[in-house]
């Protein structure tokens, strides 16, 4: 046992009295049973206090690794401490793939699922939507198993860690596939607004990067299925990049997955950053807000009009599409969405001022915040954006009536 971890960005020093790294499921169950309050820290890729506690903080990276593929069912079961970097090569070797991944491979699968983290693509849903089964260590140390179709399932997958410790997940998998990635530069924002649907539907996954300076989108990352055919030399007038690109223009692109249309396995292209390499800027803060797909062009125009109020605090911003799902606390619950992601410079006061400016610009579109990133929307407003919060609150009261898995962040946001 030791204390004093920080999150990935370094802006949160966890206040836990006890930090425990269980090695077995039995040890995990015993720790939960004996603790008064429990939170779980995954890879630490969260930017608010969602994982913090002043009591017991669990880190599951040392948990006995379980990766069990069922070829007939086309599923894989994996422990709650595994990362996408742990899982992806194993799946590829067995001839399988995940249908979608996030931009970073080194985040825990469980952490991504419980916070509704997503990848990109018009037909690709939130990463949690690939979950077909979960096992939770509940407040009494017992294991609760839920499967897709069970009454509580849609409420329990994106749980924010408030229902129990997610110790095992079963995910849908598909046959392995190849992807080729190309990057294009300098597309006018006006062209994006006028042709948004055509642009985002151009390939399996499309991401737009901009610093919100001037009138252009800096980069378009296009990830297409298969290896046949030559990529176009331009996309709506944006020119093909001639060097390896990083989402942050001033950074070295060699840490990123292969570009220039060279086909390769799904797990070596769908992530923005290559497995084993340093991701993004490191010292940074992040926010993300989701609006209905139908409002995307108007939201882009609104952010463009307000960009001088927040661009000075920004490293880079990314736009990605996410298909609708049925998970209660998902940012894409019952609506196709566009995520507006913001990577801020690590200066707290300018970053928070910028977050407020973004929230104001997007206010007409009722944005949903990413649960694990920075936002200042009050709980009453958040509740109007996630229509099933009251149902989730009831589920949490039933599964954890004493609030063992709630911290101040969860209590203030959902139970105040």
Protein backbone atom coordinates (compact mmCIF):
# COMPACT_ATOMS: atom_id res chain seq x y z
CA UNK A 1 0.00 0.00 0.00
CA UNK A 2 1.15 3.52 -0.78
CA UNK A 3 -0.40 6.93 -1.20
CA UNK A 4 -0.03 10.05 -3.25
CA UNK A 5 -0.82 9.26 -6.89
CA UNK A 6 -1.68 11.98 -9.39
CA UNK A 7 -3.74 11.81 -12.52
CA UNK A 8 -2.15 11.57 -15.96
CA UNK A 9 -2.11 15.36 -16.47
CA UNK A 10 -0.83 16.08 -12.96
CA UNK A 11 -3.59 18.56 -12.08
CA UNK A 12 -5.23 16.24 -9.51
CA UNK A 13 -3.41 14.95 -6.42
CA UNK A 14 -5.60 12.19 -5.05
CA UNK A 15 -6.47 12.56 -1.38
CA UNK A 16 -6.87 8.85 -0.59
CA UNK A 17 -5.94 7.70 2.88
CA UNK A 18 -5.16 4.26 1.45
CA UNK A 19 -4.12 3.21 -2.06
CA UNK A 20 -4.45 -0.51 -2.75
CA UNK A 21 -3.44 -2.59 -5.77
CA UNK A 22 -5.22 -5.94 -5.43
CA UNK A 23 -3.78 -8.89 -7.36
CA UNK A 24 -6.70 -11.30 -7.20
CA UNK A 25 -10.46 -11.03 -7.46
CA UNK A 26 -10.80 -12.47 -3.95
CA UNK A 27 -8.49 -9.79 -2.56
CA UNK A 28 -10.47 -7.12 -4.41
CA UNK A 29 -13.74 -8.39 -2.96
CA UNK A 30 -12.30 -8.42 0.55
CA UNK A 31 -10.98 -4.85 0.27
CA UNK A 32 -14.34 -3.58 -0.92
CA UNK A 33 -16.18 -5.46 1.82
CA UNK A 34 -13.98 -3.96 4.57
CA UNK A 35 -13.78 -0.37 3.26
CA UNK A 36 -16.12 2.46 4.23
CA UNK A 37 -15.66 4.36 0.96
CA UNK A 38 -14.13 3.16 -2.32
CA UNK A 39 -13.21 4.70 -5.65
CA UNK A 40 -11.28 3.19 -8.53
CA UNK A 41 -8.48 4.86 -10.48
CA UNK A 42 -7.83 3.50 -13.97
CA UNK A 43 -5.10 4.99 -16.15
CA UNK A 44 -5.65 8.40 -14.54
CA UNK A 45 -6.76 9.93 -17.83
CA UNK A 46 -9.43 12.02 -16.14
CA UNK A 47 -9.18 15.74 -15.51
CA UNK A 48 -11.64 16.35 -12.69
CA UNK A 49 -12.15 14.67 -9.32
CA UNK A 50 -14.42 11.86 -10.53
CA UNK A 51 -11.94 9.24 -9.24
CA UNK A 52 -10.89 11.01 -6.05
CA UNK A 53 -11.60 9.87 -2.49
CA UNK A 54 -10.37 10.56 1.01
CA UNK A 55 -10.70 6.87 1.88
CA UNK A 56 -9.73 3.79 -0.20
CA UNK A 57 -8.49 4.21 -3.77
CA UNK A 58 -8.24 1.02 -5.80
CA UNK A 59 -5.84 0.66 -8.72
CA UNK A 60 -6.52 -2.51 -10.72
CA UNK A 61 -3.46 -2.59 -12.99
CA UNK A 62 -1.95 -5.47 -10.99
CA UNK A 63 -5.16 -7.51 -11.06
CA UNK A 64 -4.75 -10.99 -12.50
CA UNK A 65 -4.99 -10.53 -16.27
CA UNK A 66 -7.97 -12.20 -17.90
CA UNK A 67 -8.41 -12.09 -21.66
CA UNK A 68 -10.74 -14.88 -22.77
CA UNK A 69 -11.95 -14.96 -26.38
CA UNK A 70 -15.13 -16.84 -27.33
CA UNK A 71 -14.85 -17.21 -31.13
CA UNK A 72 -18.34 -18.68 -31.51
CA UNK A 73 -20.05 -15.89 -29.57
CA UNK A 74 -17.68 -13.28 -31.00
CA UNK A 75 -16.97 -11.84 -27.58
CA UNK A 76 -13.95 -11.29 -25.37
CA UNK A 77 -13.99 -11.12 -21.57
CA UNK A 78 -11.35 -8.97 -19.93
CA UNK A 79 -10.49 -7.92 -16.38
CA UNK A 80 -11.11 -4.43 -15.04
CA UNK A 81 -7.44 -3.46 -14.98
CA UNK A 82 -6.63 -4.17 -18.62
CA UNK A 83 -5.94 -1.40 -21.12
CA UNK A 84 -6.77 -1.30 -24.81
CA UNK A 85 -3.03 -1.70 -25.41
CA UNK A 86 -3.15 -4.98 -23.45
CA UNK A 87 -6.17 -6.30 -25.34
CA UNK A 88 -5.72 -5.17 -28.94
CA UNK A 89 -2.62 -7.23 -29.90
CA UNK A 90 -4.15 -10.36 -28.35
CA UNK A 91 -7.34 -9.93 -30.35
CA UNK A 92 -5.40 -9.26 -33.56
CA UNK A 93 -3.28 -12.37 -33.12
CA UNK A 94 -6.48 -14.41 -32.74
CA UNK A 95 -7.96 -12.86 -35.89
CA UNK A 96 -10.39 -10.48 -34.20
CA UNK A 97 -10.88 -6.77 -33.62
CA UNK A 98 -12.82 -4.26 -31.61
CA UNK A 99 -15.20 -2.32 -33.86
CA UNK A 100 -13.94 0.99 -32.49
CA UNK A 101 -11.34 2.40 -30.10
CA UNK A 102 -10.46 5.72 -28.49
CA UNK A 103 -7.58 7.91 -29.63
CA UNK A 104 -5.31 6.62 -26.82
CA UNK A 105 -4.41 2.92 -26.43
CA UNK A 106 -3.08 3.15 -22.86
CA UNK A 107 -6.39 3.88 -21.10
CA UNK A 108 -8.16 1.17 -19.13
CA UNK A 109 -11.13 -0.43 -20.83
CA UNK A 110 -13.19 -0.28 -17.64
CA UNK A 111 -12.41 3.40 -17.12
CA UNK A 112 -13.37 4.23 -20.70
CA UNK A 113 -16.64 2.31 -20.36
CA UNK A 114 -17.84 3.76 -17.05
CA UNK A 115 -17.21 7.34 -18.25
CA UNK A 116 -18.76 6.90 -21.74
CA UNK A 117 -15.53 7.51 -23.61
CA UNK A 118 -15.79 7.17 -27.39
CA UNK A 119 -13.96 6.76 -30.66
CA UNK A 120 -15.03 8.15 -34.00
CA UNK A 121 -17.19 7.30 -36.99
CA UNK A 122 -20.72 7.95 -38.17
CA UNK A 123 -21.71 4.30 -37.67
CA UNK A 124 -19.56 3.72 -34.59
CA UNK A 125 -21.12 3.93 -31.17
CA UNK A 126 -19.69 4.86 -27.80
CA UNK A 127 -17.07 2.34 -26.60
CA UNK A 128 -19.42 1.25 -23.81
CA UNK A 129 -21.97 0.15 -26.41
CA UNK A 130 -19.68 -2.78 -27.27
CA UNK A 131 -20.18 -4.17 -23.75
CA UNK A 132 -22.45 -7.21 -23.62
CA UNK A 133 -21.78 -8.20 -20.01
CA UNK A 134 -20.32 -6.80 -16.79
CA UNK A 135 -19.31 -8.06 -13.36
CA UNK A 136 -19.44 -5.58 -10.48
CA UNK A 137 -18.04 -6.03 -6.99
CA UNK A 138 -20.87 -4.54 -4.97
CA UNK A 139 -20.77 -2.89 -1.55
CA UNK A 140 -20.98 -6.18 0.38
CA UNK A 141 -18.09 -7.68 -1.61
CA UNK A 142 -20.31 -9.94 -3.70
CA UNK A 143 -20.16 -10.06 -7.50
CA UNK A 144 -23.18 -8.91 -9.50
CA UNK A 145 -23.32 -10.12 -13.11
CA UNK A 146 -25.43 -8.31 -15.69
CA UNK A 147 -25.89 -9.06 -19.38
CA UNK A 148 -27.29 -7.08 -22.29
CA UNK A 149 -31.07 -7.34 -22.07
CA UNK A 150 -31.20 -7.50 -18.27
CA UNK A 151 -33.42 -4.88 -16.64
CA UNK A 152 -30.59 -2.88 -15.04
CA UNK A 153 -28.00 -3.34 -17.78
CA UNK A 154 -28.44 -0.08 -19.71
CA UNK A 155 -28.20 1.86 -16.46
CA UNK A 156 -25.24 -0.02 -15.04
CA UNK A 157 -22.69 0.05 -17.88
CA UNK A 158 -21.88 3.78 -17.83
CA UNK A 159 -21.90 3.92 -14.04
CA UNK A 160 -19.27 6.57 -13.21
CA UNK A 161 -18.00 4.02 -10.69
CA UNK A 162 -21.02 4.74 -8.48
CA UNK A 163 -22.52 1.23 -8.45
CA UNK A 164 -19.51 -0.93 -7.64
CA UNK A 165 -16.09 -1.93 -8.91
CA UNK A 166 -16.16 -3.06 -12.54
CA UNK A 167 -13.94 -6.11 -12.28
CA UNK A 168 -14.75 -7.82 -15.59
CA UNK A 169 -16.31 -6.87 -18.92
CA UNK A 170 -17.44 -8.85 -21.93
CA UNK A 171 -17.10 -7.01 -25.25
CA UNK A 172 -18.42 -7.64 -28.74
CA UNK A 173 -15.68 -8.37 -31.27
CA UNK A 174 -15.58 -8.62 -35.06
CA UNK A 175 -13.23 -10.28 -37.57
CA UNK A 176 -9.94 -8.42 -37.90
CA UNK A 177 -9.73 -5.76 -40.60
CA UNK A 178 -7.21 -3.41 -42.17
CA UNK A 179 -7.32 0.37 -42.15
CA UNK A 180 -5.45 3.04 -44.09
CA UNK A 181 -5.04 6.51 -42.68
CA UNK A 182 -4.51 9.80 -44.48
CA UNK A 183 -4.21 13.32 -43.12
CA UNK A 184 -5.33 16.43 -44.99
CA UNK A 185 -4.57 20.06 -44.18
CA UNK A 186 -6.22 23.49 -44.18
CA UNK A 187 -9.91 23.13 -44.93
CA UNK A 188 -11.98 26.33 -44.61
CA UNK A 189 -14.46 26.25 -41.73
CA UNK A 190 -17.13 27.58 -44.10
CA UNK A 191 -16.62 24.49 -46.30
CA UNK A 192 -16.97 22.23 -43.25
CA UNK A 193 -20.20 23.94 -42.18
CA UNK A 194 -21.67 23.60 -45.68
CA UNK A 195 -20.54 20.00 -46.25
CA UNK A 196 -20.38 18.54 -42.76
CA UNK A 197 -22.35 15.34 -43.36
CA UNK A 198 -20.50 14.56 -46.59
CA UNK A 199 -17.17 15.12 -44.87
CA UNK A 200 -17.82 13.05 -41.76
CA UNK A 201 -19.30 10.15 -43.74
CA UNK A 202 -16.32 10.01 -46.08
CA UNK A 203 -14.67 7.05 -44.28
CA UNK A 204 -14.96 4.62 -41.36
CA UNK A 205 -13.58 7.26 -39.00
CA UNK A 206 -13.03 10.98 -39.61
CA UNK A 207 -11.58 13.46 -37.10
CA UNK A 208 -11.26 17.21 -37.54
CA UNK A 209 -8.56 19.14 -35.67
CA UNK A 210 -8.43 22.92 -35.28
CA UNK A 211 -6.81 25.51 -33.03
CA UNK A 212 -9.83 27.79 -33.59
CA UNK A 213 -7.54 30.47 -34.97
CA UNK A 214 -8.43 32.07 -38.26
CA UNK A 215 -10.96 30.43 -40.55
CA UNK A 216 -9.60 26.93 -41.24
CA UNK A 217 -9.68 23.41 -39.88
CA UNK A 218 -6.00 22.54 -39.47
CA UNK A 219 -6.14 18.77 -40.06
CA UNK A 220 -8.60 16.09 -41.22
CA UNK A 221 -7.67 12.53 -40.21
CA UNK A 222 -9.39 10.01 -42.50
CA UNK A 223 -9.32 6.32 -41.54
CA UNK A 224 -10.70 4.13 -44.33
CA UNK A 225 -11.33 0.39 -44.35
CA UNK A 226 -9.25 -1.94 -46.49
CA UNK A 227 -6.13 -1.49 -48.56
CA UNK A 228 -7.46 -1.20 -52.10
CA UNK A 229 -7.45 2.00 -54.12
CA UNK A 230 -5.50 5.22 -54.00
CA UNK A 231 -6.54 7.91 -51.51
CA UNK A 232 -7.71 11.19 -53.03
CA UNK A 233 -5.13 13.95 -53.32
CA UNK A 234 -7.49 16.35 -51.60
CA UNK A 235 -10.64 16.35 -49.47
CA UNK A 236 -13.05 19.14 -50.39
CA UNK A 237 -9.99 21.18 -51.31
CA UNK A 238 -7.86 20.29 -48.28
CA UNK A 239 -4.43 19.12 -49.42
CA UNK A 240 -2.78 15.85 -48.45
CA UNK A 241 -0.11 16.11 -45.76
CA UNK A 242 3.45 15.38 -46.89
CA UNK A 243 4.90 14.66 -43.45
CA UNK A 244 3.72 12.63 -40.47
CA UNK A 245 1.29 14.77 -38.48
CA UNK A 246 0.54 15.07 -34.78
CA UNK A 247 -2.86 16.51 -33.77
CA UNK A 248 -0.99 19.39 -32.11
CA UNK A 249 0.72 20.95 -35.13
CA UNK A 250 4.01 21.81 -33.40
CA UNK A 251 4.57 18.28 -32.07
CA UNK A 252 6.41 15.40 -33.73
CA UNK A 253 4.10 13.04 -35.61
CA UNK A 254 6.33 10.00 -35.20
CA UNK A 255 4.43 9.04 -32.03
CA UNK A 256 1.23 8.71 -34.04
CA UNK A 257 -0.14 5.77 -35.98
CA UNK A 258 1.06 5.33 -39.58
CA UNK A 259 -0.29 7.74 -42.17
CA UNK A 260 0.06 8.32 -45.95
CA UNK A 261 -2.50 5.63 -46.85
CA UNK A 262 -0.31 2.70 -45.83
CA UNK A 263 -2.71 -0.10 -44.92
CA UNK A 264 -2.22 -1.91 -41.64
CA UNK A 265 -4.02 -3.80 -38.88
CA UNK A 266 -6.92 -2.04 -37.18
CA UNK A 267 -5.07 -1.63 -33.88
CA UNK A 268 -2.16 0.09 -35.62
CA UNK A 269 -4.37 2.69 -37.35
CA UNK A 270 -7.62 3.39 -35.43
CA UNK A 271 -5.82 4.80 -32.41
CA UNK A 272 -4.39 8.25 -33.07
CA UNK A 273 -1.30 7.35 -31.05
CA UNK A 274 0.73 4.17 -31.53
CA UNK A 275 0.78 1.59 -28.76
CA UNK A 276 3.79 2.25 -26.54
CA UNK A 277 4.30 5.85 -27.62
CA UNK A 278 3.70 9.10 -25.73
CA UNK A 279 0.23 10.48 -26.36
CA UNK A 280 -0.84 14.07 -26.83
CA UNK A 281 0.91 16.90 -25.00
CA UNK A 282 1.20 15.27 -21.57
CA UNK A 283 0.96 18.42 -19.44
CA UNK A 284 -2.53 19.51 -20.45
CA UNK A 285 -6.16 19.81 -19.40
CA UNK A 286 -9.15 18.52 -21.33
CA UNK A 287 -12.86 19.19 -21.82
CA UNK A 288 -15.43 17.70 -24.18
CA UNK A 289 -19.01 18.54 -25.03
CA UNK A 290 -21.51 16.65 -27.17
CA UNK A 291 -24.33 18.08 -29.27
CA UNK A 292 -26.93 16.47 -31.48
CA UNK A 293 -25.61 15.55 -34.90
CA UNK A 294 -28.30 17.70 -36.50
CA UNK A 295 -26.89 20.76 -34.70
CA UNK A 296 -23.27 20.17 -35.70
CA UNK A 297 -22.91 22.83 -38.39
CA UNK A 298 -24.62 25.49 -36.27
CA UNK A 299 -22.45 24.55 -33.28
CA UNK A 300 -19.28 24.84 -35.37
CA UNK A 301 -20.38 28.27 -36.56
CA UNK A 302 -21.10 29.32 -32.96
CA UNK A 303 -17.67 28.21 -31.76
CA UNK A 304 -16.01 29.94 -34.71
CA UNK A 305 -17.81 33.18 -33.81
CA UNK A 306 -16.64 32.89 -30.18
CA UNK A 307 -13.14 31.53 -30.81
CA UNK A 308 -11.27 34.61 -29.61
CA UNK A 309 -12.73 33.98 -26.14
CA UNK A 310 -11.08 30.58 -25.72
CA UNK A 311 -8.43 29.88 -28.40
CA UNK A 312 -5.63 31.49 -26.41
CA UNK A 313 -5.88 28.71 -23.79
CA UNK A 314 -5.99 25.95 -26.38
CA UNK A 315 -3.48 23.41 -27.65
CA UNK A 316 -5.94 21.77 -30.07
CA UNK A 317 -9.61 20.93 -30.52
CA UNK A 318 -11.05 17.81 -32.17
CA UNK A 319 -14.47 17.02 -33.65
CA UNK A 320 -15.68 13.41 -33.92
CA UNK A 321 -19.00 11.73 -34.66
CA UNK A 322 -20.60 9.10 -32.41
CA UNK A 323 -23.68 7.00 -33.21
CA UNK A 324 -26.61 6.77 -30.79
CA UNK A 325 -26.91 4.11 -28.08
CA UNK A 326 -29.29 3.20 -25.24
CA UNK A 327 -27.00 3.53 -22.20
CA UNK A 328 -28.56 5.89 -19.68
CA UNK A 329 -25.55 8.10 -18.89
CA UNK A 330 -23.94 7.91 -22.32
CA UNK A 331 -23.22 11.18 -24.08
CA UNK A 332 -24.87 9.59 -27.13
CA UNK A 333 -27.98 8.31 -25.33
CA UNK A 334 -30.74 8.09 -27.96
CA UNK A 335 -29.09 10.64 -30.25
CA UNK A 336 -26.35 10.67 -32.88
CA UNK A 337 -23.81 13.18 -31.62
CA UNK A 338 -20.79 15.24 -32.46
CA UNK A 339 -18.14 15.54 -29.78
CA UNK A 340 -16.20 18.80 -29.48
CA UNK A 341 -13.00 17.99 -27.62
CA UNK A 342 -10.65 20.65 -26.25
CA UNK A 343 -7.07 20.08 -25.11
CA UNK A 344 -6.14 23.07 -22.97
CA UNK A 345 -2.78 24.40 -21.91
CA UNK A 346 -2.03 23.46 -18.27
CA UNK A 347 -2.88 26.87 -16.81
CA UNK A 348 -5.92 26.45 -14.58
CA UNK A 349 -7.56 29.88 -14.52
CA UNK A 350 -7.27 30.58 -18.28
CA UNK A 351 -8.46 27.04 -19.00
CA UNK A 352 -11.55 27.34 -16.79
CA UNK A 353 -12.38 30.73 -18.32
CA UNK A 354 -12.09 29.11 -21.75
CA UNK A 355 -14.31 26.20 -20.68
CA UNK A 356 -16.98 28.67 -19.60
CA UNK A 357 -16.72 30.48 -22.95
CA UNK A 358 -17.18 27.19 -24.82
CA UNK A 359 -20.15 26.25 -22.64
CA UNK A 360 -21.74 29.63 -23.37
CA UNK A 361 -21.19 29.31 -27.12
CA UNK A 362 -22.70 25.81 -27.15
CA UNK A 363 -25.54 26.59 -24.71
CA UNK A 364 -28.22 26.90 -27.44
CA UNK A 365 -27.50 23.26 -28.36
CA UNK A 366 -27.86 21.75 -24.85
CA UNK A 367 -24.40 20.15 -24.77
CA UNK A 368 -23.69 17.08 -22.69
CA UNK A 369 -20.30 17.16 -20.91
CA UNK A 370 -17.82 14.31 -20.80
CA UNK A 371 -18.05 12.95 -17.26
CA UNK A 372 -14.27 12.69 -16.71
CA UNK A 373 -13.22 16.03 -18.19
CA UNK A 374 -13.51 19.64 -17.12
CA UNK A 375 -16.87 21.38 -17.15
CA UNK A 376 -18.59 24.02 -15.01
CA UNK A 377 -22.24 23.28 -15.79
CA UNK A 378 -24.26 23.12 -12.55
CA UNK A 379 -25.91 19.83 -11.53
CA UNK A 380 -29.41 21.10 -12.33
CA UNK A 381 -28.34 21.81 -15.91
CA UNK A 382 -26.51 18.50 -16.28
CA UNK A 383 -29.66 16.68 -15.19
CA UNK A 384 -31.62 18.27 -18.04
CA UNK A 385 -29.03 17.01 -20.53
CA UNK A 386 -29.04 13.38 -19.34
CA UNK A 387 -32.70 12.43 -19.19
CA UNK A 388 -32.15 9.18 -17.27
CA UNK A 389 -30.20 10.61 -14.32
CA UNK A 390 -33.17 10.16 -11.97
CA UNK A 391 -33.44 6.51 -13.01
CA UNK A 392 -29.71 6.08 -12.47
CA UNK A 393 -30.01 7.69 -9.05
CA UNK A 394 -32.69 5.17 -8.11
CA UNK A 395 -30.50 2.31 -9.37
CA UNK A 396 -27.58 3.55 -7.29
CA UNK A 397 -29.75 3.86 -4.18
CA UNK A 398 -30.89 0.27 -4.68
CA UNK A 399 -27.45 -1.26 -5.35
CA UNK A 400 -25.46 0.94 -2.95
CA UNK A 401 -27.87 2.48 -0.43
CA UNK A 402 -25.08 3.57 1.94
CA UNK A 403 -23.17 5.32 -0.84
CA UNK A 404 -19.92 3.36 -0.45
CA UNK A 405 -18.92 4.14 -4.05
CA UNK A 406 -19.87 7.83 -4.04
CA UNK A 407 -17.37 10.63 -3.59
CA UNK A 408 -17.95 14.36 -3.40
CA UNK A 409 -17.96 14.72 -7.20
CA UNK A 410 -20.67 12.06 -7.62
CA UNK A 411 -22.70 13.27 -4.65
CA UNK A 412 -22.65 16.93 -5.70
CA UNK A 413 -23.42 16.14 -9.34
CA UNK A 414 -26.06 13.43 -9.00
CA UNK A 415 -27.33 13.31 -5.41
CA UNK A 416 -27.44 16.92 -4.21
